Amino acid sequence: MATHKSAVKRSRQAVNHRERNSALKSSIRTGVKTVLAAVESKDPETAKAALAKATPQIAKAAAKGAFHKKNASRKISRLTKQVNRLKA
């Protein structure tokens, strides 16, 4: 258990960050699943709309520190590539 004042504060902050990160990651997983489901159903309009919704969520999570920025960029890139393949 933390005994110093600074360690107690850091412990409190860690709890808040962990809760925020898990909530962000959960919503992103849901968004990604929505995009992938639209891609599997071969519906380009729905996939494009779902991607437009998921992309800023992923970018915001990276800005908040839930994901590394390159991890977020890779996720966005792979989803975009799959949606763009539907159009071709």
PDB file of N, CA and C in Angstrom:
ATOM      1  N   MET A   1       0.838  -1.187   0.000  1.00  0.00           N
ATOM      2  CA  MET A   1       0.000   0.000   0.000  1.00  0.00           C
ATOM      3  C   MET A   1       0.879   1.246   0.000  1.00  0.00           C
ATOM      4  N   ALA A   2       0.462   2.256  -0.734  1.00  0.00           N
ATOM      5  CA  ALA A   2       1.228   3.490  -0.816  1.00  0.00           C
ATOM      6  C   ALA A   2       1.164   4.246   0.516  1.00  0.00           C
ATOM      7  N   THR A   3       2.317   4.767   0.955  1.00  0.00           N
ATOM      8  CA  THR A   3       2.344   5.486   2.215  1.00  0.00           C
ATOM      9  C   THR A   3       2.710   6.959   2.044  1.00  0.00           C
ATOM     10  N   HIS A   4       3.470   7.297   1.018  1.00  0.00           N
ATOM     11  CA  HIS A   4       3.826   8.695   0.787  1.00  0.00           C
ATOM     12  C   HIS A   4       2.671   9.413   0.106  1.00  0.00           C
ATOM     13  N   LYS A   5       2.607  10.704   0.347  1.00  0.00           N
ATOM     14  CA  LYS A   5       1.525  11.514  -0.221  1.00  0.00           C
ATOM     15  C   LYS A   5       1.509  11.433  -1.746  1.00  0.00           C
ATOM     16  N   SER A   6       2.679  11.504  -2.358  1.00  0.00           N
ATOM     17  CA  SER A   6       2.762  11.465  -3.823  1.00  0.00           C
ATOM     18  C   SER A   6       2.398  10.080  -4.365  1.00  0.00           C
ATOM     19  N   ALA A   7       2.738   9.044  -3.605  1.00  0.00           N
ATOM     20  CA  ALA A   7       2.413   7.688  -4.041  1.00  0.00           C
ATOM     21  C   ALA A   7       0.909   7.428  -3.951  1.00  0.00           C
ATOM     22  N   VAL A   8       0.280   7.998  -2.940  1.00  0.00           N
ATOM     23  CA  VAL A   8      -1.176   7.855  -2.805  1.00  0.00           C
ATOM     24  C   VAL A   8      -1.875   8.538  -3.984  1.00  0.00           C
ATOM     25  N   LYS A   9      -1.409   9.724  -4.329  1.00  0.00           N
ATOM     26  CA  LYS A   9      -1.999  10.454  -5.457  1.00  0.00           C
ATOM     27  C   LYS A   9      -1.787   9.680  -6.756  1.00  0.00           C
ATOM     28  N   ARG A  10      -0.596   9.164  -6.941  1.00  0.00           N
ATOM     29  CA  ARG A  10      -0.300   8.405  -8.164  1.00  0.00           C
ATOM     30  C   ARG A  10      -1.196   7.171  -8.250  1.00  0.00           C
ATOM     31  N   SER A  11      -1.446   6.547  -7.109  1.00  0.00           N
ATOM     32  CA  SER A  11      -2.329   5.388  -7.060  1.00  0.00           C
ATOM     33  C   SER A  11      -3.750   5.764  -7.468  1.00  0.00           C
ATOM     34  N   ARG A  12      -4.245   6.905  -6.975  1.00  0.00           N
ATOM     35  CA  ARG A  12      -5.576   7.397  -7.355  1.00  0.00           C
ATOM     36  C   ARG A  12      -5.641   7.669  -8.857  1.00  0.00           C
ATOM     37  N   GLN A  13      -4.613   8.307  -9.373  1.00  0.00           N
ATOM     38  CA  GLN A  13      -4.592   8.632 -10.799  1.00  0.00           C
ATOM     39  C   GLN A  13      -4.577   7.366 -11.649  1.00  0.00           C
ATOM     40  N   ALA A  14      -3.841   6.365 -11.198  1.00  0.00           N
ATOM     41  CA  ALA A  14      -3.746   5.110 -11.951  1.00  0.00           C
ATOM     42  C   ALA A  14      -5.118   4.456 -12.075  1.00  0.00           C
ATOM     43  N   VAL A  15      -5.904   4.513 -11.011  1.00  0.00           N
ATOM     44  CA  VAL A  15      -7.251   3.944 -11.045  1.00  0.00           C
ATOM     45  C   VAL A  15      -8.104   4.676 -12.074  1.00  0.00           C
ATOM     46  N   ASN A  16      -8.051   6.010 -12.052  1.00  0.00           N
ATOM     47  CA  ASN A  16      -8.839   6.797 -13.006  1.00  0.00           C
ATOM     48  C   ASN A  16      -8.421   6.533 -14.443  1.00  0.00           C
ATOM     49  N   HIS A  17      -7.120   6.482 -14.682  1.00  0.00           N
ATOM     50  CA  HIS A  17      -6.613   6.235 -16.037  1.00  0.00           C
ATOM     51  C   HIS A  17      -7.001   4.841 -16.519  1.00  0.00           C
ATOM     52  N   ARG A  18      -6.907   3.862 -15.633  1.00  0.00           N
ATOM     53  CA  ARG A  18      -7.251   2.490 -16.007  1.00  0.00           C
ATOM     54  C   ARG A  18      -8.725   2.389 -16.394  1.00  0.00           C
ATOM     55  N   GLU A  19      -9.596   3.031 -15.632  1.00  0.00           N
ATOM     56  CA  GLU A  19     -11.025   3.006 -15.956  1.00  0.00           C
ATOM     57  C   GLU A  19     -11.302   3.702 -17.291  1.00  0.00           C
ATOM     58  N   ARG A  20     -10.665   4.842 -17.497  1.00  0.00           N
ATOM     59  CA  ARG A  20     -10.865   5.585 -18.741  1.00  0.00           C
ATOM     60  C   ARG A  20     -10.359   4.766 -19.933  1.00  0.00           C
ATOM     61  N   ASN A  21      -9.164   4.186 -19.789  1.00  0.00           N
ATOM     62  CA  ASN A  21      -8.584   3.419 -20.888  1.00  0.00           C
ATOM     63  C   ASN A  21      -9.438   2.199 -21.233  1.00  0.00           C
ATOM     64  N   SER A  22      -9.934   1.508 -20.223  1.00  0.00           N
ATOM     65  CA  SER A  22     -10.736   0.312 -20.513  1.00  0.00           C
ATOM     66  C   SER A  22     -12.043   0.693 -21.186  1.00  0.00           C
ATOM     67  N   ALA A  23     -12.634   1.821 -20.802  1.00  0.00           N
ATOM     68  CA  ALA A  23     -13.874   2.272 -21.440  1.00  0.00           C
ATOM     69  C   ALA A  23     -13.616   2.655 -22.894  1.00  0.00           C
ATOM     70  N   LEU A  24     -12.512   3.367 -23.138  1.00  0.00           N
ATOM     71  CA  LEU A  24     -12.172   3.758 -24.506  1.00  0.00           C
ATOM     72  C   LEU A  24     -11.921   2.529 -25.380  1.00  0.00           C
ATOM     73  N   LYS A  25     -11.148   1.587 -24.852  1.00  0.00           N
ATOM     74  CA  LYS A  25     -10.823   0.394 -25.631  1.00  0.00           C
ATOM     75  C   LYS A  25     -12.067  -0.429 -25.939  1.00  0.00           C
ATOM     76  N   SER A  26     -12.987  -0.490 -24.995  1.00  0.00           N
ATOM     77  CA  SER A  26     -14.224  -1.236 -25.206  1.00  0.00           C
ATOM     78  C   SER A  26     -15.052  -0.611 -26.324  1.00  0.00           C
ATOM     79  N   SER A  27     -15.186   0.708 -26.302  1.00  0.00           N
ATOM     80  CA  SER A  27     -15.976   1.374 -27.345  1.00  0.00           C
ATOM     81  C   SER A  27     -15.303   1.243 -28.705  1.00  0.00           C
ATOM     82  N   ILE A  28     -13.987   1.230 -28.723  1.00  0.00           N
ATOM     83  CA  ILE A  28     -13.274   1.072 -29.990  1.00  0.00           C
ATOM     84  C   ILE A  28     -13.457  -0.337 -30.537  1.00  0.00           C
ATOM     85  N   ARG A  29     -13.398  -1.336 -29.659  1.00  0.00           N
ATOM     86  CA  ARG A  29     -13.636  -2.715 -30.119  1.00  0.00           C
ATOM     87  C   ARG A  29     -15.014  -2.836 -30.748  1.00  0.00           C
ATOM     88  N   THR A  30     -16.004  -2.202 -30.140  1.00  0.00           N
ATOM     89  CA  THR A  30     -17.361  -2.238 -30.684  1.00  0.00           C
ATOM     90  C   THR A  30     -17.405  -1.560 -32.050  1.00  0.00           C
ATOM     91  N   GLY A  31     -16.747  -0.418 -32.176  1.00  0.00           N
ATOM     92  CA  GLY A  31     -16.720   0.294 -33.453  1.00  0.00           C
ATOM     93  C   GLY A  31     -16.039  -0.503 -34.548  1.00  0.00           C
ATOM     94  N   VAL A  32     -14.940  -1.153 -34.201  1.00  0.00           N
ATOM     95  CA  VAL A  32     -14.205  -1.965 -35.172  1.00  0.00           C
ATOM     96  C   VAL A  32     -15.055  -3.156 -35.611  1.00  0.00           C
ATOM     97  N   LYS A  33     -15.758  -3.782 -34.655  1.00  0.00           N
ATOM     98  CA  LYS A  33     -16.625  -4.909 -35.000  1.00  0.00           C
ATOM     99  C   LYS A  33     -17.733  -4.474 -35.949  1.00  0.00           C
ATOM    100  N   THR A  34     -18.253  -3.270 -35.748  1.00  0.00           N
ATOM    101  CA  THR A  34     -19.304  -2.744 -36.622  1.00  0.00           C
ATOM    102  C   THR A  34     -18.779  -2.578 -38.043  1.00  0.00           C
ATOM    103  N   VAL A  35     -17.571  -2.039 -38.174  1.00  0.00           N
ATOM    104  CA  VAL A  35     -16.959  -1.862 -39.497  1.00  0.00           C
ATOM    105  C   VAL A  35     -16.734  -3.224 -40.145  1.00  0.00           C
ATOM    106  N   LEU A  36     -16.182  -4.161 -39.401  1.00  0.00           N
ATOM    107  CA  LEU A  36     -15.881  -5.483 -39.961  1.00  0.00           C
ATOM    108  C   LEU A  36     -17.153  -6.226 -40.358  1.00  0.00           C
ATOM    109  N   ALA A  37     -18.217  -6.072 -39.588  1.00  0.00           N
ATOM    110  CA  ALA A  37     -19.489  -6.714 -39.934  1.00  0.00           C
ATOM    111  C   ALA A  37     -20.033  -6.137 -41.239  1.00  0.00           C
ATOM    112  N   ALA A  38     -19.909  -4.819 -41.412  1.00  0.00           N
ATOM    113  CA  ALA A  38     -20.373  -4.188 -42.652  1.00  0.00           C
ATOM    114  C   ALA A  38     -19.529  -4.635 -43.835  1.00  0.00           C
ATOM    115  N   VAL A  39     -18.233  -4.817 -43.616  1.00  0.00           N
ATOM    116  CA  VAL A  39     -17.346  -5.285 -44.691  1.00  0.00           C
ATOM    117  C   VAL A  39     -17.711  -6.714 -45.080  1.00  0.00           C
ATOM    118  N   GLU A  40     -17.974  -7.556 -44.075  1.00  0.00           N
ATOM    119  CA  GLU A  40     -18.334  -8.950 -44.373  1.00  0.00           C
ATOM    120  C   GLU A  40     -19.660  -9.051 -45.107  1.00  0.00           C
ATOM    121  N   SER A  41     -20.581  -8.136 -44.806  1.00  0.00           N
ATOM    122  CA  SER A  41     -21.865  -8.160 -45.502  1.00  0.00           C
ATOM    123  C   SER A  41     -21.784  -7.482 -46.867  1.00  0.00           C
ATOM    124  N   LYS A  42     -20.601  -6.997 -47.198  1.00  0.00           N
ATOM    125  CA  LYS A  42     -20.327  -6.365 -48.503  1.00  0.00           C
ATOM    126  C   LYS A  42     -21.256  -5.170 -48.771  1.00  0.00           C
ATOM    127  N   ASP A  43     -21.442  -4.362 -47.739  1.00  0.00           N
ATOM    128  CA  ASP A  43     -22.272  -3.165 -47.855  1.00  0.00           C
ATOM    129  C   ASP A  43     -21.366  -1.936 -47.739  1.00  0.00           C
ATOM    130  N   PRO A  44     -20.954  -1.360 -48.878  1.00  0.00           N
ATOM    131  CA  PRO A  44     -19.970  -0.272 -48.820  1.00  0.00           C
ATOM    132  C   PRO A  44     -20.471   0.991 -48.119  1.00  0.00           C
ATOM    133  N   GLU A  45     -21.754   1.306 -48.242  1.00  0.00           N
ATOM    134  CA  GLU A  45     -22.271   2.525 -47.610  1.00  0.00           C
ATOM    135  C   GLU A  45     -22.268   2.411 -46.086  1.00  0.00           C
ATOM    136  N   THR A  46     -22.724   1.291 -45.576  1.00  0.00           N
ATOM    137  CA  THR A  46     -22.727   1.079 -44.129  1.00  0.00           C
ATOM    138  C   THR A  46     -21.301   1.021 -43.595  1.00  0.00           C
ATOM    139  N   ALA A  47     -20.418   0.347 -44.337  1.00  0.00           N
ATOM    140  CA  ALA A  47     -19.020   0.231 -43.919  1.00  0.00           C
ATOM    141  C   ALA A  47     -18.361   1.601 -43.873  1.00  0.00           C
ATOM    142  N   LYS A  48     -18.647   2.423 -44.866  1.00  0.00           N
ATOM    143  CA  LYS A  48     -18.060   3.760 -44.912  1.00  0.00           C
ATOM    144  C   LYS A  48     -18.552   4.611 -43.743  1.00  0.00           C
ATOM    145  N   ALA A  49     -19.844   4.516 -43.430  1.00  0.00           N
ATOM    146  CA  ALA A  49     -20.402   5.270 -42.304  1.00  0.00           C
ATOM    147  C   ALA A  49     -19.816   4.791 -40.976  1.00  0.00           C
ATOM    148  N   ALA A  50     -19.680   3.479 -40.825  1.00  0.00           N
ATOM    149  CA  ALA A  50     -19.124   2.929 -39.584  1.00  0.00           C
ATOM    150  C   ALA A  50     -17.658   3.327 -39.433  1.00  0.00           C
ATOM    151  N   LEU A  51     -16.925   3.343 -40.545  1.00  0.00           N
ATOM    152  CA  LEU A  51     -15.521   3.746 -40.512  1.00  0.00           C
ATOM    153  C   LEU A  51     -15.397   5.213 -40.122  1.00  0.00           C
ATOM    154  N   ALA A  52     -16.288   6.055 -40.661  1.00  0.00           N
ATOM    155  CA  ALA A  52     -16.258   7.478 -40.335  1.00  0.00           C
ATOM    156  C   ALA A  52     -16.529   7.707 -38.852  1.00  0.00           C
ATOM    157  N   LYS A  53     -17.264   6.809 -38.236  1.00  0.00           N
ATOM    158  CA  LYS A  53     -17.553   6.917 -36.807  1.00  0.00           C
ATOM    159  C   LYS A  53     -16.402   6.361 -35.962  1.00  0.00           C
ATOM    160  N   ALA A  54     -15.773   5.285 -36.427  1.00  0.00           N
ATOM    161  CA  ALA A  54     -14.729   4.615 -35.650  1.00  0.00           C
ATOM    162  C   ALA A  54     -13.385   5.346 -35.697  1.00  0.00           C
ATOM    163  N   THR A  55     -13.080   5.979 -36.832  1.00  0.00           N
ATOM    164  CA  THR A  55     -11.778   6.616 -37.007  1.00  0.00           C
ATOM    165  C   THR A  55     -11.491   7.689 -35.951  1.00  0.00           C
ATOM    166  N   PRO A  56     -12.397   8.654 -35.720  1.00  0.00           N
ATOM    167  CA  PRO A  56     -12.079   9.647 -34.690  1.00  0.00           C
ATOM    168  C   PRO A  56     -12.012   9.067 -33.281  1.00  0.00           C
ATOM    169  N   GLN A  57     -12.773   7.998 -33.032  1.00  0.00           N
ATOM    170  CA  GLN A  57     -12.701   7.351 -31.713  1.00  0.00           C
ATOM    171  C   GLN A  57     -11.302   6.787 -31.482  1.00  0.00           C
ATOM    172  N   ILE A  58     -10.768   6.118 -32.503  1.00  0.00           N
ATOM    173  CA  ILE A  58      -9.437   5.516 -32.381  1.00  0.00           C
ATOM    174  C   ILE A  58      -8.384   6.605 -32.212  1.00  0.00           C
ATOM    175  N   ALA A  59      -8.496   7.674 -32.996  1.00  0.00           N
ATOM    176  CA  ALA A  59      -7.528   8.772 -32.912  1.00  0.00           C
ATOM    177  C   ALA A  59      -7.579   9.443 -31.535  1.00  0.00           C
ATOM    178  N   LYS A  60      -8.775   9.603 -31.001  1.00  0.00           N
ATOM    179  CA  LYS A  60      -8.917  10.238 -29.690  1.00  0.00           C
ATOM    180  C   LYS A  60      -8.318   9.360 -28.594  1.00  0.00           C
ATOM    181  N   ALA A  61      -8.515   8.051 -28.709  1.00  0.00           N
ATOM    182  CA  ALA A  61      -7.943   7.133 -27.721  1.00  0.00           C
ATOM    183  C   ALA A  61      -6.424   7.196 -27.742  1.00  0.00           C
ATOM    184  N   ALA A  62      -5.851   7.356 -28.943  1.00  0.00           N
ATOM    185  CA  ALA A  62      -4.397   7.475 -29.051  1.00  0.00           C
ATOM    186  C   ALA A  62      -3.936   8.786 -28.417  1.00  0.00           C
ATOM    187  N   ALA A  63      -4.692   9.841 -28.621  1.00  0.00           N
ATOM    188  CA  ALA A  63      -4.333  11.133 -28.037  1.00  0.00           C
ATOM    189  C   ALA A  63      -4.401  11.085 -26.514  1.00  0.00           C
ATOM    190  N   LYS A  64      -5.339  10.303 -25.980  1.00  0.00           N
ATOM    191  CA  LYS A  64      -5.497  10.185 -24.525  1.00  0.00           C
ATOM    192  C   LYS A  64      -4.485   9.214 -23.920  1.00  0.00           C
ATOM    193  N   GLY A  65      -3.816   8.415 -24.766  1.00  0.00           N
ATOM    194  CA  GLY A  65      -2.801   7.503 -24.257  1.00  0.00           C
ATOM    195  C   GLY A  65      -3.281   6.079 -24.051  1.00  0.00           C
ATOM    196  N   ALA A  66      -4.496   5.759 -24.493  1.00  0.00           N
ATOM    197  CA  ALA A  66      -4.988   4.391 -24.343  1.00  0.00           C
ATOM    198  C   ALA A  66      -4.283   3.462 -25.319  1.00  0.00           C
ATOM    199  N   PHE A  67      -3.915   3.984 -26.485  1.00  0.00           N
ATOM    200  CA  PHE A  67      -3.153   3.253 -27.489  1.00  0.00           C
ATOM    201  C   PHE A  67      -1.942   4.076 -27.865  1.00  0.00           C
ATOM    202  N   HIS A  68      -0.905   3.406 -28.345  1.00  0.00           N
ATOM    203  CA  HIS A  68       0.218   4.114 -28.932  1.00  0.00           C
ATOM    204  C   HIS A  68      -0.260   4.710 -30.248  1.00  0.00           C
ATOM    205  N   LYS A  69       0.298   5.851 -30.642  1.00  0.00           N
ATOM    206  CA  LYS A  69      -0.206   6.526 -31.833  1.00  0.00           C
ATOM    207  C   LYS A  69       0.015   5.696 -33.098  1.00  0.00           C
ATOM    208  N   LYS A  70       1.095   4.921 -33.150  1.00  0.00           N
ATOM    209  CA  LYS A  70       1.327   4.083 -34.333  1.00  0.00           C
ATOM    210  C   LYS A  70       0.364   2.903 -34.360  1.00  0.00           C
ATOM    211  N   ASN A  71       0.006   2.394 -33.185  1.00  0.00           N
ATOM    212  CA  ASN A  71      -0.989   1.322 -33.104  1.00  0.00           C
ATOM    213  C   ASN A  71      -2.322   1.834 -33.638  1.00  0.00           C
ATOM    214  N   ALA A  72      -2.717   3.029 -33.222  1.00  0.00           N
ATOM    215  CA  ALA A  72      -3.977   3.610 -33.685  1.00  0.00           C
ATOM    216  C   ALA A  72      -3.933   3.852 -35.194  1.00  0.00           C
ATOM    217  N   SER A  73      -2.816   4.357 -35.669  1.00  0.00           N
ATOM    218  CA  SER A  73      -2.665   4.622 -37.098  1.00  0.00           C
ATOM    219  C   SER A  73      -2.780   3.328 -37.900  1.00  0.00           C
ATOM    220  N   ARG A  74      -2.203   2.264 -37.381  1.00  0.00           N
ATOM    221  CA  ARG A  74      -2.266   0.959 -38.051  1.00  0.00           C
ATOM    222  C   ARG A  74      -3.691   0.431 -38.087  1.00  0.00           C
ATOM    223  N   LYS A  75      -4.419   0.581 -36.985  1.00  0.00           N
ATOM    224  CA  LYS A  75      -5.819   0.142 -36.946  1.00  0.00           C
ATOM    225  C   LYS A  75      -6.652   0.890 -37.981  1.00  0.00           C
ATOM    226  N   ILE A  76      -6.499   2.212 -38.005  1.00  0.00           N
ATOM    227  CA  ILE A  76      -7.256   3.037 -38.950  1.00  0.00           C
ATOM    228  C   ILE A  76      -6.910   2.664 -40.384  1.00  0.00           C
ATOM    229  N   SER A  77      -5.626   2.471 -40.642  1.00  0.00           N
ATOM    230  CA  SER A  77      -5.168   2.143 -41.983  1.00  0.00           C
ATOM    231  C   SER A  77      -5.732   0.806 -42.461  1.00  0.00           C
ATOM    232  N   ARG A  78      -5.712  -0.186 -41.606  1.00  0.00           N
ATOM    233  CA  ARG A  78      -6.199  -1.513 -42.000  1.00  0.00           C
ATOM    234  C   ARG A  78      -7.706  -1.513 -42.223  1.00  0.00           C
ATOM    235  N   LEU A  79      -8.434  -0.797 -41.383  1.00  0.00           N
ATOM    236  CA  LEU A  79      -9.879  -0.713 -41.573  1.00  0.00           C
ATOM    237  C   LEU A  79     -10.212   0.031 -42.870  1.00  0.00           C
ATOM    238  N   THR A  80      -9.506   1.128 -43.109  1.00  0.00           N
ATOM    239  CA  THR A  80      -9.739   1.916 -44.324  1.00  0.00           C
ATOM    240  C   THR A  80      -9.449   1.088 -45.568  1.00  0.00           C
ATOM    241  N   LYS A  81      -8.387   0.310 -45.515  1.00  0.00           N
ATOM    242  CA  LYS A  81      -8.026  -0.532 -46.661  1.00  0.00           C
ATOM    243  C   LYS A  81      -9.134  -1.544 -46.960  1.00  0.00           C
ATOM    244  N   GLN A  82      -9.703  -2.133 -45.913  1.00  0.00           N
ATOM    245  CA  GLN A  82     -10.777  -3.111 -46.115  1.00  0.00           C
ATOM    246  C   GLN A  82     -12.029  -2.470 -46.686  1.00  0.00           C
ATOM    247  N   VAL A  83     -12.355  -1.280 -46.204  1.00  0.00           N
ATOM    248  CA  VAL A  83     -13.546  -0.578 -46.720  1.00  0.00           C
ATOM    249  C   VAL A  83     -13.322  -0.169 -48.161  1.00  0.00           C
ATOM    250  N   ASN A  84     -12.137   0.292 -48.489  1.00  0.00           N
ATOM    251  CA  ASN A  84     -11.845   0.719 -49.861  1.00  0.00           C
ATOM    252  C   ASN A  84     -11.856  -0.457 -50.832  1.00  0.00           C
ATOM    253  N   ARG A  85     -11.527  -1.648 -50.360  1.00  0.00           N
ATOM    254  CA  ARG A  85     -11.567  -2.838 -51.236  1.00  0.00           C
ATOM    255  C   ARG A  85     -12.994  -3.152 -51.694  1.00  0.00           C
ATOM    256  N   LEU A  86     -13.985  -2.762 -50.895  1.00  0.00           N
ATOM    257  CA  LEU A  86     -15.381  -3.018 -51.259  1.00  0.00           C
ATOM    258  C   LEU A  86     -15.773  -2.227 -52.505  1.00  0.00           C
ATOM    259  N   LYS A  87     -15.235  -1.028 -52.635  1.00  0.00           N
ATOM    260  CA  LYS A  87     -15.583  -0.171 -53.759  1.00  0.00           C
ATOM    261  C   LYS A  87     -15.022  -0.701 -55.071  1.00  0.00           C
ATOM    262  N   ALA A  88     -13.842  -1.320 -55.011  1.00  0.00           N
ATOM    263  CA  ALA A  88     -13.175  -1.795 -56.223  1.00  0.00           C
ATOM    264  C   ALA A  88     -13.850  -3.003 -56.834  1.00  0.00           C
TER     265      ALA A  88
END
